[in-house]
Each structure stands twice: as structure tokens, then as C-alpha cells.
């Protein structure tokens, strides 16, 4: 698909949609490792690959820089941000505590319909896991974690979590790189879904925190 084309059939694609598409495409390239941490972003090659003009491409880079995935260096071009092991561990440590609190609040504040929606996302994840479709699984996985935090109904918690969550997208994708690691993560998600269904906030929080800290075990060899 040529993203520069402003029509899809008879529907116009507005600038916001184009921007979101470009951001999503570049983000996927980073998450999947097509653009490696620490590597310089070849703007000309990517602009041609994505079929967009320079302006929306650079706007997308600014968005990804705000997410912590890209570093924009004036006059020297942009690079994919490379996190140190200490940075990764520190962020996972904080994220674990944030998701533990979010889980406890979500079980108290979410409606039955909202919980049912989260369980449906979990079930979709399992379908992609059964087919070993890693990227669709990962995107629903991220949606599940963000969803739990959103159900906390705490704007400050949601904002802080969102900032850290965005920076760790690549790292968390790496966490499922092996079949054993992926199976362990799925098992933890099954525990989370059961705890959410019973509104056991304490248990859900403990599992969510353990899940995040176990992510460090699954990724540390890839970030050292």
C-alpha cells in the first residue's frame, strides 16, 4: 500500500490517519528488529519503502521520539534508541509496580462488560498463539496490558504507565523470541485472565508484577 495516496477506494485518508499509519509502520520495523537498536535510520530508503513524503515521515519520527523509541540528533540524523540493561531493568521494575496497582484498581472499578472485553482480548491472543503468529499476538498482548491500566480509571497512573510502556515495546517483543519463553508468558496471561474474571485484585496484581519481572529474565541476554 502506498501511504502517500490519499484515497482508499472512495474513502479519503486524512492527515491524522496517514500519520498514524506511518508511525505504526516504523514502530513495527523497530519492534520486529528490522531497524536495530543503535542503528542510524536511513530516511531516504524508508521514505521510498513506505511511499510517503518527507514531511509525514519526519512527523512520525518525532512521535516515536516522544515514545522513547527514536533519538533525533540535529544535523546527524536519527537513530533507533538503544536501552542499557540497567535502563531496561529499572523500567520493568517500575512498570511491575504500576501494573500491580492498576490491576487492584481495575478489579474494583471496571464494569462487567469491560472485564468481558478484556477476557475476549485474551482469548484472541490465545488464537494467535496457537497459530504462532507473533506480531498479532504481541499487539493484542500490549492492548491487554494497556487495557488493565485504563480500567484503573486513574489518569496519572495511565500517563506514567503509557510513557514507560511505549519505550519497552521492542524489549517486550524480544521476550517472546523462544518457544519456552513465549509459553511461560502465555501461562502467566492465563492466570491473569482468571484472576480478572473473579475480580481478585490482589492476586491479579501479584501475577501482573511477577509477569513483568519475569520479562527481565526472558530479555536480559538480548540487551547485554
C-alpha atoms as a PDB file:
ATOM      1  CA  UNK A   1       0.000   0.000   0.000  1.00  0.00           C
ATOM      2  CA  UNK A   2       1.343   3.410  -0.963  1.00  0.00           C
ATOM      3  CA  UNK A   3       0.703   5.530   2.115  1.00  0.00           C
ATOM      4  CA  UNK A   4       1.096   8.753   0.171  1.00  0.00           C
ATOM      5  CA  UNK A   5      -2.040   8.018  -1.864  1.00  0.00           C
ATOM      6  CA  UNK A   6      -4.828   9.963  -0.162  1.00  0.00           C
ATOM      7  CA  UNK A   7      -7.612   7.627  -1.229  1.00  0.00           C
ATOM      8  CA  UNK A   8      -8.549   4.064  -0.435  1.00  0.00           C
ATOM      9  CA  UNK A   9     -11.345   3.130  -2.805  1.00  0.00           C
ATOM     10  CA  UNK A  10     -13.674   6.089  -2.442  1.00  0.00           C
ATOM     11  CA  UNK A  11     -12.551   6.983   1.081  1.00  0.00           C
ATOM     12  CA  UNK A  12     -10.117   9.793   1.679  1.00  0.00           C
ATOM     13  CA  UNK A  13      -7.295   9.232   4.139  1.00  0.00           C
ATOM     14  CA  UNK A  14      -6.837  12.372   6.245  1.00  0.00           C
ATOM     15  CA  UNK A  15      -3.515  13.553   7.626  1.00  0.00           C
ATOM     16  CA  UNK A  16      -4.162  12.088  11.068  1.00  0.00           C
ATOM     17  CA  UNK A  17      -4.759   8.647   9.587  1.00  0.00           C
ATOM     18  CA  UNK A  18      -1.693   8.916   7.363  1.00  0.00           C
ATOM     19  CA  UNK A  19       0.397   9.976  10.353  1.00  0.00           C
ATOM     20  CA  UNK A  20      -0.857   7.048  12.426  1.00  0.00           C
ATOM     21  CA  UNK A  21      -0.122   4.626   9.602  1.00  0.00           C
ATOM     22  CA  UNK A  22       3.432   5.854   9.148  1.00  0.00           C
ATOM     23  CA  UNK A  23       4.083   5.792  12.893  1.00  0.00           C
ATOM     24  CA  UNK A  24       2.702   2.257  13.124  1.00  0.00           C
ATOM     25  CA  UNK A  25       4.793   1.006  10.191  1.00  0.00           C
ATOM     26  CA  UNK A  26       8.057   2.447  11.538  1.00  0.00           C
ATOM     27  CA  UNK A  27       7.239   1.264  15.065  1.00  0.00           C
ATOM     28  CA  UNK A  28       6.697  -2.282  13.761  1.00  0.00           C
ATOM     29  CA  UNK A  29      10.056  -2.199  11.984  1.00  0.00           C
ATOM     30  CA  UNK A  30      11.707  -1.233  15.273  1.00  0.00           C
ATOM     31  CA  UNK A  31       9.798  -3.753  17.364  1.00  0.00           C
ATOM     32  CA  UNK A  32      10.479  -6.633  14.957  1.00  0.00           C
ATOM     33  CA  UNK A  33      14.171  -5.725  14.729  1.00  0.00           C
ATOM     34  CA  UNK A  34      14.255  -4.697  11.076  1.00  0.00           C
ATOM     35  CA  UNK A  35      15.633  -1.429  12.453  1.00  0.00           C
ATOM     36  CA  UNK A  36      18.137  -2.458  15.092  1.00  0.00           C
ATOM     37  CA  UNK A  37      18.785  -0.592  18.375  1.00  0.00           C
ATOM     38  CA  UNK A  38      21.564   1.932  17.907  1.00  0.00           C
ATOM     39  CA  UNK A  39      21.297   1.902  14.113  1.00  0.00           C
ATOM     40  CA  UNK A  40      21.000   5.058  12.038  1.00  0.00           C
ATOM     41  CA  UNK A  41      17.638   5.499  10.327  1.00  0.00           C
ATOM     42  CA  UNK A  42      18.095   5.783   6.559  1.00  0.00           C
ATOM     43  CA  UNK A  43      15.406   8.368   5.834  1.00  0.00           C
ATOM     44  CA  UNK A  44      15.623   8.218   2.052  1.00  0.00           C
ATOM     45  CA  UNK A  45      15.338   4.426   1.935  1.00  0.00           C
ATOM     46  CA  UNK A  46      12.430   4.302   4.392  1.00  0.00           C
ATOM     47  CA  UNK A  47      10.574   7.145   2.696  1.00  0.00           C
ATOM     48  CA  UNK A  48      10.773   5.211  -0.566  1.00  0.00           C
ATOM     49  CA  UNK A  49       9.823   1.927   1.124  1.00  0.00           C
ATOM     50  CA  UNK A  50       6.763   3.435   2.825  1.00  0.00           C
ATOM     51  CA  UNK A  51       5.731   5.553  -0.156  1.00  0.00           C
ATOM     52  CA  UNK A  52       5.373   8.805   1.793  1.00  0.00           C
ATOM     53  CA  UNK A  53       6.805  12.283   1.532  1.00  0.00           C
ATOM     54  CA  UNK A  54       9.484  13.648   3.864  1.00  0.00           C
ATOM     55  CA  UNK A  55       7.113  15.754   5.982  1.00  0.00           C
ATOM     56  CA  UNK A  56       4.835  12.974   7.317  1.00  0.00           C
ATOM     57  CA  UNK A  57       7.866  10.742   7.735  1.00  0.00           C
ATOM     58  CA  UNK A  58       9.645  13.247   9.954  1.00  0.00           C
ATOM     59  CA  UNK A  59       6.446  13.946  11.881  1.00  0.00           C
ATOM     60  CA  UNK A  60       6.259  10.210  12.549  1.00  0.00           C
ATOM     61  CA  UNK A  61       9.860  10.200  13.808  1.00  0.00           C
ATOM     62  CA  UNK A  62       9.010  12.983  16.238  1.00  0.00           C
ATOM     63  CA  UNK A  63       6.119  10.921  17.590  1.00  0.00           C
ATOM     64  CA  UNK A  64       8.377   7.896  18.006  1.00  0.00           C
ATOM     65  CA  UNK A  65      10.987  10.081  19.691  1.00  0.00           C
ATOM     66  CA  UNK A  66       8.330  11.169  22.191  1.00  0.00           C
ATOM     67  CA  UNK A  67       7.609   7.463  22.809  1.00  0.00           C
ATOM     68  CA  UNK A  68      11.283   6.865  23.514  1.00  0.00           C
ATOM     69  CA  UNK A  69      11.879   4.578  20.528  1.00  0.00           C
ATOM     70  CA  UNK A  70      13.901   7.014  18.419  1.00  0.00           C
ATOM     71  CA  UNK A  71      16.558   9.631  19.122  1.00  0.00           C
ATOM     72  CA  UNK A  72      16.591  12.660  16.812  1.00  0.00           C
ATOM     73  CA  UNK A  73      20.047  14.218  16.551  1.00  0.00           C
ATOM     74  CA  UNK A  74      20.109  17.639  14.859  1.00  0.00           C
ATOM     75  CA  UNK A  75      22.362  17.636  11.758  1.00  0.00           C
ATOM     76  CA  UNK A  76      23.358  13.996  12.368  1.00  0.00           C
ATOM     77  CA  UNK A  77      20.136  12.164  11.593  1.00  0.00           C
ATOM     78  CA  UNK A  78      18.014   9.895  13.743  1.00  0.00           C
ATOM     79  CA  UNK A  79      18.849   6.575  15.377  1.00  0.00           C
ATOM     80  CA  UNK A  80      16.850   3.775  16.951  1.00  0.00           C
ATOM     81  CA  UNK A  81      17.191   4.213  20.687  1.00  0.00           C
ATOM     82  CA  UNK A  82      19.284   1.550  22.408  1.00  0.00           C
ATOM     83  CA  UNK A  83      18.471   0.945  26.055  1.00  0.00           C
ATOM     84  CA  UNK A  84      21.139  -0.193  28.507  1.00  0.00           C
ATOM     85  CA  UNK A  85      20.493  -3.277  30.661  1.00  0.00           C
ATOM     86  CA  UNK A  86      20.184  -1.043  33.738  1.00  0.00           C
ATOM     87  CA  UNK A  87      17.576   1.112  31.993  1.00  0.00           C
ATOM     88  CA  UNK A  88      15.562  -1.922  30.928  1.00  0.00           C
ATOM     89  CA  UNK A  89      15.587  -3.485  34.381  1.00  0.00           C
ATOM     90  CA  UNK A  90      14.725  -0.202  36.089  1.00  0.00           C
ATOM     91  CA  UNK A  91      11.783   0.437  33.777  1.00  0.00           C
ATOM     92  CA  UNK A  92      10.467  -3.119  34.160  1.00  0.00           C
ATOM     93  CA  UNK A  93      10.782  -2.799  37.930  1.00  0.00           C
ATOM     94  CA  UNK A  94       8.680   0.376  37.961  1.00  0.00           C
ATOM     95  CA  UNK A  95       6.244  -0.973  35.372  1.00  0.00           C
ATOM     96  CA  UNK A  96       5.657  -4.042  37.554  1.00  0.00           C
ATOM     97  CA  UNK A  97       4.588  -1.850  40.458  1.00  0.00           C
ATOM     98  CA  UNK A  98       2.388   0.306  38.238  1.00  0.00           C
ATOM     99  CA  UNK A  99       0.593  -2.686  36.752  1.00  0.00           C
ATOM    100  CA  UNK A 100       0.158  -4.242  40.188  1.00  0.00           C
ATOM    101  CA  UNK A 101      -1.614  -1.092  41.401  1.00  0.00           C
ATOM    102  CA  UNK A 102      -3.600  -0.831  38.165  1.00  0.00           C
ATOM    103  CA  UNK A 103      -4.764  -4.437  38.490  1.00  0.00           C
ATOM    104  CA  UNK A 104      -6.024  -3.873  42.024  1.00  0.00           C
ATOM    105  CA  UNK A 105      -7.912  -0.727  40.997  1.00  0.00           C
ATOM    106  CA  UNK A 106      -9.291  -2.296  37.816  1.00  0.00           C
ATOM    107  CA  UNK A 107     -10.890  -5.165  39.731  1.00  0.00           C
ATOM    108  CA  UNK A 108     -12.666  -2.629  41.937  1.00  0.00           C
ATOM    109  CA  UNK A 109     -13.705  -0.133  39.270  1.00  0.00           C
ATOM    110  CA  UNK A 110     -14.282  -1.960  35.990  1.00  0.00           C
ATOM    111  CA  UNK A 111     -17.763  -2.886  34.821  1.00  0.00           C
ATOM    112  CA  UNK A 112     -18.691  -6.462  33.986  1.00  0.00           C
ATOM    113  CA  UNK A 113     -18.777  -5.501  30.305  1.00  0.00           C
ATOM    114  CA  UNK A 114     -15.265  -4.050  30.468  1.00  0.00           C
ATOM    115  CA  UNK A 115     -13.913  -7.173  32.128  1.00  0.00           C
ATOM    116  CA  UNK A 116     -15.623  -9.323  29.499  1.00  0.00           C
ATOM    117  CA  UNK A 117     -13.938  -7.236  26.800  1.00  0.00           C
ATOM    118  CA  UNK A 118     -10.513  -7.824  28.355  1.00  0.00           C
ATOM    119  CA  UNK A 119     -11.153 -11.560  28.553  1.00  0.00           C
ATOM    120  CA  UNK A 120     -12.145 -11.512  24.870  1.00  0.00           C
ATOM    121  CA  UNK A 121      -8.812  -9.854  24.026  1.00  0.00           C
ATOM    122  CA  UNK A 122      -7.036 -12.576  25.992  1.00  0.00           C
ATOM    123  CA  UNK A 123      -8.885 -15.268  24.067  1.00  0.00           C
ATOM    124  CA  UNK A 124      -7.912 -13.648  20.759  1.00  0.00           C
ATOM    125  CA  UNK A 125      -4.311 -13.663  21.947  1.00  0.00           C
ATOM    126  CA  UNK A 126      -4.538 -17.405  22.541  1.00  0.00           C
ATOM    127  CA  UNK A 127      -5.829 -17.909  18.999  1.00  0.00           C
ATOM    128  CA  UNK A 128      -2.793 -16.133  17.564  1.00  0.00           C
ATOM    129  CA  UNK A 129      -0.526 -18.047  19.941  1.00  0.00           C
ATOM    130  CA  UNK A 130      -1.970 -21.340  18.690  1.00  0.00           C
ATOM    131  CA  UNK A 131      -1.038 -20.276  15.144  1.00  0.00           C
ATOM    132  CA  UNK A 132       2.329 -18.888  16.321  1.00  0.00           C
ATOM    133  CA  UNK A 133       1.552 -15.516  14.741  1.00  0.00           C
ATOM    134  CA  UNK A 134       3.900 -13.464  16.832  1.00  0.00           C
ATOM    135  CA  UNK A 135       3.196  -9.865  15.835  1.00  0.00           C
ATOM    136  CA  UNK A 136      -0.622 -10.057  16.001  1.00  0.00           C
ATOM    137  CA  UNK A 137      -0.259 -11.816  19.353  1.00  0.00           C
ATOM    138  CA  UNK A 138       2.127  -9.136  20.578  1.00  0.00           C
ATOM    139  CA  UNK A 139      -0.174  -6.283  19.588  1.00  0.00           C
ATOM    140  CA  UNK A 140      -3.098  -7.823  21.459  1.00  0.00           C
ATOM    141  CA  UNK A 141      -0.779  -8.502  24.384  1.00  0.00           C
ATOM    142  CA  UNK A 142       0.071  -4.823  24.518  1.00  0.00           C
ATOM    143  CA  UNK A 143      -3.620  -3.935  24.218  1.00  0.00           C
ATOM    144  CA  UNK A 144      -4.391  -6.236  27.165  1.00  0.00           C
ATOM    145  CA  UNK A 145      -1.799  -4.600  29.416  1.00  0.00           C
ATOM    146  CA  UNK A 146      -2.873  -1.083  28.429  1.00  0.00           C
ATOM    147  CA  UNK A 147      -6.491  -2.122  28.936  1.00  0.00           C
ATOM    148  CA  UNK A 148      -5.926  -3.241  32.515  1.00  0.00           C
ATOM    149  CA  UNK A 149      -4.241   0.074  33.273  1.00  0.00           C
ATOM    150  CA  UNK A 150      -7.034   2.007  31.582  1.00  0.00           C
ATOM    151  CA  UNK A 151      -9.595   0.232  33.768  1.00  0.00           C
ATOM    152  CA  UNK A 152      -7.839   1.639  36.833  1.00  0.00           C
ATOM    153  CA  UNK A 153      -9.532   4.944  35.920  1.00  0.00           C
ATOM    154  CA  UNK A 154      -6.516   6.776  37.348  1.00  0.00           C
ATOM    155  CA  UNK A 155      -5.267   9.381  34.824  1.00  0.00           C
ATOM    156  CA  UNK A 156      -1.867   9.846  36.486  1.00  0.00           C
ATOM    157  CA  UNK A 157      -1.216   6.113  36.564  1.00  0.00           C
ATOM    158  CA  UNK A 158      -2.326   5.780  32.941  1.00  0.00           C
ATOM    159  CA  UNK A 159       0.012   8.568  31.783  1.00  0.00           C
ATOM    160  CA  UNK A 160       3.105   7.330  33.608  1.00  0.00           C
ATOM    161  CA  UNK A 161       2.492   3.739  32.526  1.00  0.00           C
ATOM    162  CA  UNK A 162       1.975   4.833  28.917  1.00  0.00           C
ATOM    163  CA  UNK A 163       5.362   6.554  28.798  1.00  0.00           C
ATOM    164  CA  UNK A 164       7.262   3.536  30.100  1.00  0.00           C
ATOM    165  CA  UNK A 165       5.183   1.038  28.169  1.00  0.00           C
ATOM    166  CA  UNK A 166       5.993   2.752  24.867  1.00  0.00           C
ATOM    167  CA  UNK A 167       9.746   2.686  25.488  1.00  0.00           C
ATOM    168  CA  UNK A 168       9.746  -1.036  26.192  1.00  0.00           C
ATOM    169  CA  UNK A 169       7.833  -2.244  23.114  1.00  0.00           C
ATOM    170  CA  UNK A 170      10.895  -3.684  21.385  1.00  0.00           C
ATOM    171  CA  UNK A 171      12.186  -5.265  24.584  1.00  0.00           C
ATOM    172  CA  UNK A 172       8.893  -6.957  25.367  1.00  0.00           C
ATOM    173  CA  UNK A 173       8.601  -8.294  21.821  1.00  0.00           C
ATOM    174  CA  UNK A 174      12.048  -9.860  22.248  1.00  0.00           C
ATOM    175  CA  UNK A 175      10.767 -11.579  25.397  1.00  0.00           C
ATOM    176  CA  UNK A 176       8.724 -13.997  23.273  1.00  0.00           C
ATOM    177  CA  UNK A 177      11.578 -14.896  20.941  1.00  0.00           C
ATOM    178  CA  UNK A 178      11.876 -18.514  22.124  1.00  0.00           C
ATOM    179  CA  UNK A 179       9.097 -21.132  22.405  1.00  0.00           C
ATOM    180  CA  UNK A 180       9.695 -21.746  26.127  1.00  0.00           C
ATOM    181  CA  UNK A 181       9.721 -18.036  26.972  1.00  0.00           C
ATOM    182  CA  UNK A 182       6.576 -17.476  24.957  1.00  0.00           C
ATOM    183  CA  UNK A 183       4.798 -20.427  26.565  1.00  0.00           C
ATOM    184  CA  UNK A 184       5.686 -19.141  30.032  1.00  0.00           C
ATOM    185  CA  UNK A 185       4.331 -15.691  29.195  1.00  0.00           C
ATOM    186  CA  UNK A 186       1.086 -17.172  27.860  1.00  0.00           C
ATOM    187  CA  UNK A 187       0.669 -19.223  31.027  1.00  0.00           C
ATOM    188  CA  UNK A 188       1.033 -16.057  33.114  1.00  0.00           C
ATOM    189  CA  UNK A 189      -1.577 -14.334  30.969  1.00  0.00           C
ATOM    190  CA  UNK A 190      -3.988 -17.208  31.538  1.00  0.00           C
ATOM    191  CA  UNK A 191      -3.523 -16.717  35.281  1.00  0.00           C
ATOM    192  CA  UNK A 192      -4.198 -13.000  34.882  1.00  0.00           C
ATOM    193  CA  UNK A 193      -7.382 -13.585  32.891  1.00  0.00           C
ATOM    194  CA  UNK A 194      -8.742 -15.955  35.554  1.00  0.00           C
ATOM    195  CA  UNK A 195      -7.971 -13.518  38.358  1.00  0.00           C
ATOM    196  CA  UNK A 196      -9.596 -10.681  36.428  1.00  0.00           C
ATOM    197  CA  UNK A 197     -12.761 -12.703  35.862  1.00  0.00           C
ATOM    198  CA  UNK A 198     -13.094 -13.329  39.599  1.00  0.00           C
ATOM    199  CA  UNK A 199     -12.177  -9.708  40.420  1.00  0.00           C
ATOM    200  CA  UNK A 200      -9.353 -10.851  42.677  1.00  0.00           C
ATOM    201  CA  UNK A 201      -7.360  -7.640  42.519  1.00  0.00           C
ATOM    202  CA  UNK A 202      -4.667  -8.741  44.951  1.00  0.00           C
ATOM    203  CA  UNK A 203      -3.962 -11.925  43.016  1.00  0.00           C
ATOM    204  CA  UNK A 204      -4.139 -10.187  39.642  1.00  0.00           C
ATOM    205  CA  UNK A 205      -1.717  -7.536  40.864  1.00  0.00           C
ATOM    206  CA  UNK A 206       0.741 -10.134  42.135  1.00  0.00           C
ATOM    207  CA  UNK A 207       0.623 -12.068  38.856  1.00  0.00           C
ATOM    208  CA  UNK A 208       0.992  -8.902  36.768  1.00  0.00           C
ATOM    209  CA  UNK A 209       4.036  -7.789  38.776  1.00  0.00           C
ATOM    210  CA  UNK A 210       5.604 -11.250  38.538  1.00  0.00           C
ATOM    211  CA  UNK A 211       4.917 -11.295  34.795  1.00  0.00           C
ATOM    212  CA  UNK A 212       6.775  -8.011  34.323  1.00  0.00           C
ATOM    213  CA  UNK A 213       9.733  -9.048  36.459  1.00  0.00           C
ATOM    214  CA  UNK A 214       9.915 -12.384  34.629  1.00  0.00           C
ATOM    215  CA  UNK A 215      10.194 -10.369  31.427  1.00  0.00           C
ATOM    216  CA  UNK A 216      13.649  -9.315  32.601  1.00  0.00           C
ATOM    217  CA  UNK A 217      14.694 -12.976  32.828  1.00  0.00           C
ATOM    218  CA  UNK A 218      13.410 -13.504  29.295  1.00  0.00           C
ATOM    219  CA  UNK A 219      15.161 -10.492  27.750  1.00  0.00           C
ATOM    220  CA  UNK A 220      18.360  -9.837  29.690  1.00  0.00           C
ATOM    221  CA  UNK A 221      20.548 -11.893  27.362  1.00  0.00           C
ATOM    222  CA  UNK A 222      19.280  -9.827  24.438  1.00  0.00           C
ATOM    223  CA  UNK A 223      20.124  -6.434  25.967  1.00  0.00           C
ATOM    224  CA  UNK A 224      23.557  -7.085  27.418  1.00  0.00           C
END
